[in-house]
Amino acid sequence: MIYLDLHTHTVVSGHAYSTLNENIAAAKQHGLKIYGISDHAPKMPGSTHLFYFRNLHVVPDLVQGIRVLKGAELNIMDVEGHVDLDESTLKMLDYAIASLHVPCFGPHHTEAENTQAMINAVHNPFVKILGHPDDSRYPIDQEAVVLACKETHTLIEVNNSSMNPKSSRVGGRENMLGMLQYCRQHNVPVLFGSDAHYCDAIGQFQRCEEVCAAAQLPASLIVNSNPELIREYLGLDVL
């Protein structure tokens, strides 16, 4: 059973097309127990203001019987791993995803710089998830990134949207297949994320499931269906 989807976007992100309540209804329809809001942080062109994230506490923790977590998808801004929400705001959120996006961290950096940016970002204590580390526009030392996530207790995302043939990211499946080999080798858990920008995609992980099967990743390392790992990494009880 899949219990949660933490990588989702609402209209607030600027290039997504569903409201928060539409997303929650979709999460319920698809049998999820936990739904996470992770709209793009302010440096993403078209996204929202700092105040949106600081005010997320007004959203109830339980909506339509679904546990709602308030998070953000942060932009990694530089090689030092700085992100675009300050510590006082991050303290107000349940979790944060950190990702590389072209408008905020151009794809002209070296493999060493991309790798260091990700490693520095996951050392941020508020970052619980490394978002879509699967884009050929950002070549990385995959094993070094996996080991950094192991060290910092950060989840590596398997991003369903990255493996969509229409995705703007490049080489998503092939790159994730390589990353998963290191996750299996070093016993590092992964988190499926839909990266839904429309409500129908919430909780849809077919591409994630396929690539994990191809990589022979043990099911015990997939957080979405493992209540023990959900408690350990996210501090949540789904039962």
C-alpha atoms as a PDB file:
ATOM      1  CA  MET A   1       0.000   0.000   0.000  1.00  0.00           C
ATOM      2  CA  ILE A   2       1.174   3.522  -0.844  1.00  0.00           C
ATOM      3  CA  TYR A   3       0.568   5.833   2.102  1.00  0.00           C
ATOM      4  CA  LEU A   4       1.797   9.245   1.015  1.00  0.00           C
ATOM      5  CA  ASP A   5       2.820  11.706  -1.675  1.00  0.00           C
ATOM      6  CA  LEU A   6       4.895  14.669  -0.488  1.00  0.00           C
ATOM      7  CA  HIS A   7       5.914  16.261  -3.803  1.00  0.00           C
ATOM      8  CA  THR A   8       2.884  18.104  -5.169  1.00  0.00           C
ATOM      9  CA  HIS A   9       2.134  21.577  -6.483  1.00  0.00           C
ATOM     10  CA  THR A  10      -0.907  23.830  -6.430  1.00  0.00           C
ATOM     11  CA  VAL A  11      -1.764  26.874  -8.557  1.00  0.00           C
ATOM     12  CA  VAL A  12       0.384  28.856  -6.136  1.00  0.00           C
ATOM     13  CA  SER A  13       3.514  27.480  -7.809  1.00  0.00           C
ATOM     14  CA  GLY A  14       2.661  29.493 -10.914  1.00  0.00           C
ATOM     15  CA  HIS A  15       2.867  26.670 -13.448  1.00  0.00           C
ATOM     16  CA  ALA A  16       0.528  24.141 -11.817  1.00  0.00           C
ATOM     17  CA  TYR A  17      -3.187  23.886 -12.396  1.00  0.00           C
ATOM     18  CA  SER A  18      -5.096  22.570  -9.358  1.00  0.00           C
ATOM     19  CA  THR A  19      -6.158  24.053  -6.051  1.00  0.00           C
ATOM     20  CA  LEU A  20      -5.181  22.719  -2.648  1.00  0.00           C
ATOM     21  CA  ASN A  21      -8.632  21.227  -2.034  1.00  0.00           C
ATOM     22  CA  GLU A  22      -8.629  19.586  -5.467  1.00  0.00           C
ATOM     23  CA  ASN A  23      -5.262  18.010  -4.632  1.00  0.00           C
ATOM     24  CA  ILE A  24      -6.458  16.765  -1.260  1.00  0.00           C
ATOM     25  CA  ALA A  25      -9.564  15.252  -2.857  1.00  0.00           C
ATOM     26  CA  ALA A  26      -7.344  13.466  -5.394  1.00  0.00           C
ATOM     27  CA  ALA A  27      -5.117  12.156  -2.605  1.00  0.00           C
ATOM     28  CA  LYS A  28      -8.179  10.732  -0.886  1.00  0.00           C
ATOM     29  CA  GLN A  29      -9.515   9.250  -4.118  1.00  0.00           C
ATOM     30  CA  HIS A  30      -6.186   7.495  -4.709  1.00  0.00           C
ATOM     31  CA  GLY A  31      -6.176   5.974  -1.239  1.00  0.00           C
ATOM     32  CA  LEU A  32      -3.416   8.023   0.366  1.00  0.00           C
ATOM     33  CA  LYS A  33      -3.273   8.643   4.109  1.00  0.00           C
ATOM     34  CA  ILE A  34      -0.876  11.615   3.993  1.00  0.00           C
ATOM     35  CA  TYR A  35      -0.691  14.468   1.494  1.00  0.00           C
ATOM     36  CA  GLY A  36       2.131  17.012   1.369  1.00  0.00           C
ATOM     37  CA  ILE A  37       1.953  20.538  -0.080  1.00  0.00           C
ATOM     38  CA  SER A  38       5.319  21.435  -1.604  1.00  0.00           C
ATOM     39  CA  ASP A  39       4.853  24.525  -3.712  1.00  0.00           C
ATOM     40  CA  HIS A  40       7.895  26.119  -5.284  1.00  0.00           C
ATOM     41  CA  ALA A  41       9.773  28.503  -3.020  1.00  0.00           C
ATOM     42  CA  PRO A  42       9.912  32.206  -3.984  1.00  0.00           C
ATOM     43  CA  LYS A  43      12.930  32.275  -6.312  1.00  0.00           C
ATOM     44  CA  MET A  44      11.137  30.109  -8.878  1.00  0.00           C
ATOM     45  CA  PRO A  45       9.755  32.541 -11.474  1.00  0.00           C
ATOM     46  CA  GLY A  46       5.988  32.828 -11.155  1.00  0.00           C
ATOM     47  CA  SER A  47       5.798  31.290  -7.701  1.00  0.00           C
ATOM     48  CA  THR A  48       4.529  32.892  -4.553  1.00  0.00           C
ATOM     49  CA  HIS A  49       5.731  35.135  -1.728  1.00  0.00           C
ATOM     50  CA  LEU A  50       7.494  34.235   1.499  1.00  0.00           C
ATOM     51  CA  PHE A  51       4.288  35.030   3.413  1.00  0.00           C
ATOM     52  CA  TYR A  52       2.492  32.073   1.786  1.00  0.00           C
ATOM     53  CA  PHE A  53       4.858  29.613   3.456  1.00  0.00           C
ATOM     54  CA  ARG A  54       4.805  31.436   6.782  1.00  0.00           C
ATOM     55  CA  ASN A  55       1.013  31.306   6.790  1.00  0.00           C
ATOM     56  CA  LEU A  56       0.569  27.614   5.905  1.00  0.00           C
ATOM     57  CA  HIS A  57      -0.241  26.916   9.552  1.00  0.00           C
ATOM     58  CA  VAL A  58      -3.802  28.072   8.833  1.00  0.00           C
ATOM     59  CA  VAL A  59      -4.364  24.907   6.758  1.00  0.00           C
ATOM     60  CA  PRO A  60      -5.835  22.228   9.045  1.00  0.00           C
ATOM     61  CA  ASP A  61      -3.727  19.183   9.799  1.00  0.00           C
ATOM     62  CA  LEU A  62      -6.643  16.959   8.821  1.00  0.00           C
ATOM     63  CA  VAL A  63      -8.765  17.680   5.738  1.00  0.00           C
ATOM     64  CA  GLN A  64     -11.287  15.234   4.293  1.00  0.00           C
ATOM     65  CA  GLY A  65      -9.750  12.576   6.534  1.00  0.00           C
ATOM     66  CA  ILE A  66      -6.297  13.112   4.998  1.00  0.00           C
ATOM     67  CA  ARG A  67      -3.305  14.155   7.107  1.00  0.00           C
ATOM     68  CA  VAL A  68      -1.970  17.308   5.463  1.00  0.00           C
ATOM     69  CA  LEU A  69       1.708  18.244   5.767  1.00  0.00           C
ATOM     70  CA  LYS A  70       2.899  21.739   4.974  1.00  0.00           C
ATOM     71  CA  GLY A  71       6.164  21.878   3.083  1.00  0.00           C
ATOM     72  CA  ALA A  72       8.036  23.561   0.264  1.00  0.00           C
ATOM     73  CA  GLU A  73      10.179  22.656  -2.694  1.00  0.00           C
ATOM     74  CA  LEU A  74      13.254  24.782  -2.133  1.00  0.00           C
ATOM     75  CA  ASN A  75      15.545  25.936  -4.893  1.00  0.00           C
ATOM     76  CA  ILE A  76      19.230  25.178  -4.436  1.00  0.00           C
ATOM     77  CA  MET A  77      20.698  28.535  -5.354  1.00  0.00           C
ATOM     78  CA  ASP A  78      24.457  27.991  -5.468  1.00  0.00           C
ATOM     79  CA  VAL A  79      27.309  25.532  -5.000  1.00  0.00           C
ATOM     80  CA  GLU A  80      27.280  26.279  -1.262  1.00  0.00           C
ATOM     81  CA  GLY A  81      23.791  24.748  -1.120  1.00  0.00           C
ATOM     82  CA  HIS A  82      21.939  27.878  -0.019  1.00  0.00           C
ATOM     83  CA  VAL A  83      18.161  27.712  -0.431  1.00  0.00           C
ATOM     84  CA  ASP A  84      15.476  30.339  -0.894  1.00  0.00           C
ATOM     85  CA  LEU A  85      13.619  30.208   2.413  1.00  0.00           C
ATOM     86  CA  ASP A  86      15.209  31.415   5.621  1.00  0.00           C
ATOM     87  CA  GLU A  87      15.630  29.322   8.754  1.00  0.00           C
ATOM     88  CA  SER A  88      12.797  31.005  10.657  1.00  0.00           C
ATOM     89  CA  THR A  89      10.373  30.096   7.850  1.00  0.00           C
ATOM     90  CA  LEU A  90      11.685  26.556   7.481  1.00  0.00           C
ATOM     91  CA  LYS A  91      11.110  26.003  11.193  1.00  0.00           C
ATOM     92  CA  MET A  92       7.408  26.638  10.571  1.00  0.00           C
ATOM     93  CA  LEU A  93       7.133  23.865   7.955  1.00  0.00           C
ATOM     94  CA  ASP A  94       6.751  20.108   8.351  1.00  0.00           C
ATOM     95  CA  TYR A  95       9.380  19.305   5.734  1.00  0.00           C
ATOM     96  CA  ALA A  96      11.332  20.661   2.798  1.00  0.00           C
ATOM     97  CA  ILE A  97      12.481  19.250  -0.522  1.00  0.00           C
ATOM     98  CA  ALA A  98      15.643  20.733  -2.055  1.00  0.00           C
ATOM     99  CA  SER A  99      16.031  20.601  -5.839  1.00  0.00           C
ATOM    100  CA  LEU A 100      18.038  22.031  -8.692  1.00  0.00           C
ATOM    101  CA  HIS A 101      15.980  24.050 -11.198  1.00  0.00           C
ATOM    102  CA  VAL A 102      17.314  25.772 -14.301  1.00  0.00           C
ATOM    103  CA  PRO A 103      15.941  29.272 -13.498  1.00  0.00           C
ATOM    104  CA  CYS A 104      17.755  29.265 -10.142  1.00  0.00           C
ATOM    105  CA  PHE A 105      20.903  27.201 -10.746  1.00  0.00           C
ATOM    106  CA  GLY A 106      21.920  27.176 -14.384  1.00  0.00           C
ATOM    107  CA  PRO A 107      23.000  23.952 -16.097  1.00  0.00           C
ATOM    108  CA  HIS A 108      26.440  25.350 -16.918  1.00  0.00           C
ATOM    109  CA  HIS A 109      28.134  24.064 -13.757  1.00  0.00           C
ATOM    110  CA  THR A 110      30.622  21.214 -13.643  1.00  0.00           C
ATOM    111  CA  GLU A 111      29.856  17.749 -12.304  1.00  0.00           C
ATOM    112  CA  ALA A 112      31.876  18.565  -9.195  1.00  0.00           C
ATOM    113  CA  GLU A 113      29.921  21.795  -8.624  1.00  0.00           C
ATOM    114  CA  ASN A 114      26.540  20.107  -9.115  1.00  0.00           C
ATOM    115  CA  THR A 115      27.552  17.340  -6.739  1.00  0.00           C
ATOM    116  CA  GLN A 116      28.748  19.790  -4.107  1.00  0.00           C
ATOM    117  CA  ALA A 117      25.576  21.869  -4.387  1.00  0.00           C
ATOM    118  CA  MET A 118      23.447  18.801  -3.641  1.00  0.00           C
ATOM    119  CA  ILE A 119      25.704  17.582  -0.839  1.00  0.00           C
ATOM    120  CA  ASN A 120      25.721  20.992   0.821  1.00  0.00           C
ATOM    121  CA  ALA A 121      21.936  21.280   0.489  1.00  0.00           C
ATOM    122  CA  VAL A 122      21.244  17.938   2.189  1.00  0.00           C
ATOM    123  CA  HIS A 123      23.403  19.024   5.124  1.00  0.00           C
ATOM    124  CA  ASN A 124      20.744  21.657   5.813  1.00  0.00           C
ATOM    125  CA  PRO A 125      18.884  20.188   8.810  1.00  0.00           C
ATOM    126  CA  PHE A 126      15.509  21.320   7.447  1.00  0.00           C
ATOM    127  CA  VAL A 127      15.910  19.444   4.156  1.00  0.00           C
ATOM    128  CA  LYS A 128      14.316  16.011   4.453  1.00  0.00           C
ATOM    129  CA  ILE A 129      14.194  15.128   0.736  1.00  0.00           C
ATOM    130  CA  LEU A 130      16.575  15.606  -2.198  1.00  0.00           C
ATOM    131  CA  GLY A 131      14.310  16.312  -5.159  1.00  0.00           C
ATOM    132  CA  HIS A 132      14.759  14.724  -8.595  1.00  0.00           C
ATOM    133  CA  PRO A 133      18.567  14.208  -8.665  1.00  0.00           C
ATOM    134  CA  ASP A 134      18.112  12.637 -12.098  1.00  0.00           C
ATOM    135  CA  ASP A 135      18.605  15.310 -14.752  1.00  0.00           C
ATOM    136  CA  SER A 136      21.420  14.930 -17.295  1.00  0.00           C
ATOM    137  CA  ARG A 137      21.628  18.714 -17.448  1.00  0.00           C
ATOM    138  CA  TYR A 138      23.121  18.388 -13.948  1.00  0.00           C
ATOM    139  CA  PRO A 139      25.686  15.584 -14.077  1.00  0.00           C
ATOM    140  CA  ILE A 140      26.662  14.441 -10.591  1.00  0.00           C
ATOM    141  CA  ASP A 141      28.787  11.903  -8.776  1.00  0.00           C
ATOM    142  CA  GLN A 142      25.832   9.694  -7.945  1.00  0.00           C
ATOM    143  CA  GLU A 143      27.557   7.602  -5.308  1.00  0.00           C
ATOM    144  CA  ALA A 144      28.848  10.677  -3.469  1.00  0.00           C
ATOM    145  CA  VAL A 145      25.326  12.131  -3.368  1.00  0.00           C
ATOM    146  CA  VAL A 146      23.813   8.847  -2.155  1.00  0.00           C
ATOM    147  CA  LEU A 147      26.415   8.606   0.607  1.00  0.00           C
ATOM    148  CA  ALA A 148      25.745  12.212   1.654  1.00  0.00           C
ATOM    149  CA  CYS A 149      22.029  11.426   1.923  1.00  0.00           C
ATOM    150  CA  LYS A 150      22.850   8.356   3.997  1.00  0.00           C
ATOM    151  CA  GLU A 151      25.042  10.464   6.297  1.00  0.00           C
ATOM    152  CA  THR A 152      22.433  13.209   6.734  1.00  0.00           C
ATOM    153  CA  HIS A 153      19.379  10.933   6.925  1.00  0.00           C
ATOM    154  CA  THR A 154      17.925  12.601   3.819  1.00  0.00           C
ATOM    155  CA  LEU A 155      15.546  10.782   1.507  1.00  0.00           C
ATOM    156  CA  ILE A 156      16.396  10.480  -2.184  1.00  0.00           C
ATOM    157  CA  GLU A 157      13.406  11.132  -4.375  1.00  0.00           C
ATOM    158  CA  VAL A 158      12.381   8.871  -7.234  1.00  0.00           C
ATOM    159  CA  ASN A 159      10.414  11.394  -9.255  1.00  0.00           C
ATOM    160  CA  ASN A 160       7.564  10.053 -11.392  1.00  0.00           C
ATOM    161  CA  SER A 161       7.398  13.231 -13.467  1.00  0.00           C
ATOM    162  CA  SER A 162      11.098  13.091 -14.399  1.00  0.00           C
ATOM    163  CA  MET A 163      10.505   9.825 -16.239  1.00  0.00           C
ATOM    164  CA  ASN A 164       7.601  11.177 -18.273  1.00  0.00           C
ATOM    165  CA  PRO A 165       8.714  11.366 -21.930  1.00  0.00           C
ATOM    166  CA  LYS A 166       7.326  14.921 -22.008  1.00  0.00           C
ATOM    167  CA  SER A 167       9.437  16.054 -19.047  1.00  0.00           C
ATOM    168  CA  SER A 168      11.801  18.978 -19.514  1.00  0.00           C
ATOM    169  CA  ARG A 169      14.391  17.001 -17.555  1.00  0.00           C
ATOM    170  CA  VAL A 170      16.783  14.841 -19.526  1.00  0.00           C
ATOM    171  CA  GLY A 171      17.607  11.168 -19.000  1.00  0.00           C
ATOM    172  CA  GLY A 172      15.437  10.774 -15.910  1.00  0.00           C
ATOM    173  CA  ARG A 173      14.944   7.021 -16.019  1.00  0.00           C
ATOM    174  CA  GLU A 174      18.509   6.157 -16.990  1.00  0.00           C
ATOM    175  CA  ASN A 175      20.004   8.450 -14.365  1.00  0.00           C
ATOM    176  CA  MET A 176      17.677   7.198 -11.635  1.00  0.00           C
ATOM    177  CA  LEU A 177      18.446   3.612 -12.564  1.00  0.00           C
ATOM    178  CA  GLY A 178      22.117   4.339 -11.866  1.00  0.00           C
ATOM    179  CA  MET A 179      21.311   6.166  -8.636  1.00  0.00           C
ATOM    180  CA  LEU A 180      19.196   3.268  -7.405  1.00  0.00           C
ATOM    181  CA  GLN A 181      22.089   0.868  -7.828  1.00  0.00           C
ATOM    182  CA  TYR A 182      23.996   2.893  -5.237  1.00  0.00           C
ATOM    183  CA  CYS A 183      20.918   3.104  -2.997  1.00  0.00           C
ATOM    184  CA  ARG A 184      20.688  -0.677  -3.068  1.00  0.00           C
ATOM    185  CA  GLN A 185      24.436  -1.075  -2.491  1.00  0.00           C
ATOM    186  CA  HIS A 186      24.498   1.309   0.487  1.00  0.00           C
ATOM    187  CA  ASN A 187      21.029   0.492   1.868  1.00  0.00           C
ATOM    188  CA  VAL A 188      19.682   4.034   1.409  1.00  0.00           C
ATOM    189  CA  PRO A 189      15.875   4.514   1.386  1.00  0.00           C
ATOM    190  CA  VAL A 190      14.060   6.360  -1.390  1.00  0.00           C
ATOM    191  CA  LEU A 191      10.804   8.294  -1.513  1.00  0.00           C
ATOM    192  CA  PHE A 192       8.448   8.229  -4.483  1.00  0.00           C
ATOM    193  CA  GLY A 193       7.246  11.703  -5.475  1.00  0.00           C
ATOM    194  CA  SER A 194       4.625  12.394  -8.118  1.00  0.00           C
ATOM    195  CA  ASP A 195       5.761  16.005  -8.636  1.00  0.00           C
ATOM    196  CA  ALA A 196       2.128  16.533  -9.567  1.00  0.00           C
ATOM    197  CA  HIS A 197       1.308  19.818 -11.267  1.00  0.00           C
ATOM    198  CA  TYR A 198      -2.274  18.673 -11.860  1.00  0.00           C
ATOM    199  CA  CYS A 199      -4.417  16.840  -9.351  1.00  0.00           C
ATOM    200  CA  ASP A 200      -4.887  13.630 -11.356  1.00  0.00           C
ATOM    201  CA  ALA A 201      -1.157  12.882 -11.038  1.00  0.00           C
ATOM    202  CA  ILE A 202      -1.172  12.778  -7.222  1.00  0.00           C
ATOM    203  CA  GLY A 203      -0.267   9.360  -5.863  1.00  0.00           C
ATOM    204  CA  GLN A 204       0.582   8.053  -9.335  1.00  0.00           C
ATOM    205  CA  PHE A 205       3.914   6.255  -9.183  1.00  0.00           C
ATOM    206  CA  GLN A 206       3.899   3.780 -12.049  1.00  0.00           C
ATOM    207  CA  ARG A 207       7.210   4.970 -13.473  1.00  0.00           C
ATOM    208  CA  CYS A 208       8.774   4.985 -10.007  1.00  0.00           C
ATOM    209  CA  GLU A 209       7.664   1.409  -9.437  1.00  0.00           C
ATOM    210  CA  GLU A 210       8.984   0.288 -12.816  1.00  0.00           C
ATOM    211  CA  VAL A 211      12.450   1.781 -12.418  1.00  0.00           C
ATOM    212  CA  CYS A 212      12.801   0.425  -8.866  1.00  0.00           C
ATOM    213  CA  ALA A 213      11.848  -3.037 -10.108  1.00  0.00           C
ATOM    214  CA  ALA A 214      14.392  -2.726 -12.921  1.00  0.00           C
ATOM    215  CA  ALA A 215      17.057  -1.717 -10.384  1.00  0.00           C
ATOM    216  CA  GLN A 216      16.037  -4.615  -8.113  1.00  0.00           C
ATOM    217  CA  LEU A 217      15.652  -2.197  -5.220  1.00  0.00           C
ATOM    218  CA  PRO A 218      14.220  -4.029  -2.207  1.00  0.00           C
ATOM    219  CA  ALA A 219      10.670  -2.979  -1.395  1.00  0.00           C
ATOM    220  CA  SER A 220      11.831  -2.443   2.191  1.00  0.00           C
ATOM    221  CA  LEU A 221      13.750   0.663   1.017  1.00  0.00           C
ATOM    222  CA  ILE A 222      10.668   2.387  -0.452  1.00  0.00           C
ATOM    223  CA  VAL A 223       9.426   4.788   2.203  1.00  0.00           C
ATOM    224  CA  ASN A 224       5.948   5.398   0.741  1.00  0.00           C
ATOM    225  CA  SER A 225       4.828   1.863   1.558  1.00  0.00           C
ATOM    226  CA  ASN A 226       6.863   1.289   4.731  1.00  0.00           C
ATOM    227  CA  PRO A 227       5.280   2.582   7.966  1.00  0.00           C
ATOM    228  CA  GLU A 228       8.499   2.026   9.936  1.00  0.00           C
ATOM    229  CA  LEU A 229      10.504   4.220   7.555  1.00  0.00           C
ATOM    230  CA  ILE A 230       7.739   6.833   7.516  1.00  0.00           C
ATOM    231  CA  ARG A 231       8.051   7.047  11.289  1.00  0.00           C
ATOM    232  CA  GLU A 232      11.856   7.048  11.225  1.00  0.00           C
ATOM    233  CA  TYR A 233      12.395   9.640   8.478  1.00  0.00           C
ATOM    234  CA  LEU A 234       9.268  11.797   8.770  1.00  0.00           C
ATOM    235  CA  GLY A 235       8.183  11.279  12.376  1.00  0.00           C
ATOM    236  CA  LEU A 236       4.694  10.227  11.293  1.00  0.00           C
ATOM    237  CA  ASP A 237       2.435   7.326  12.212  1.00  0.00           C
ATOM    238  CA  VAL A 238       0.195   6.104   9.398  1.00  0.00           C
ATOM    239  CA  LEU A 239      -1.480   3.240  11.225  1.00  0.00           C
END
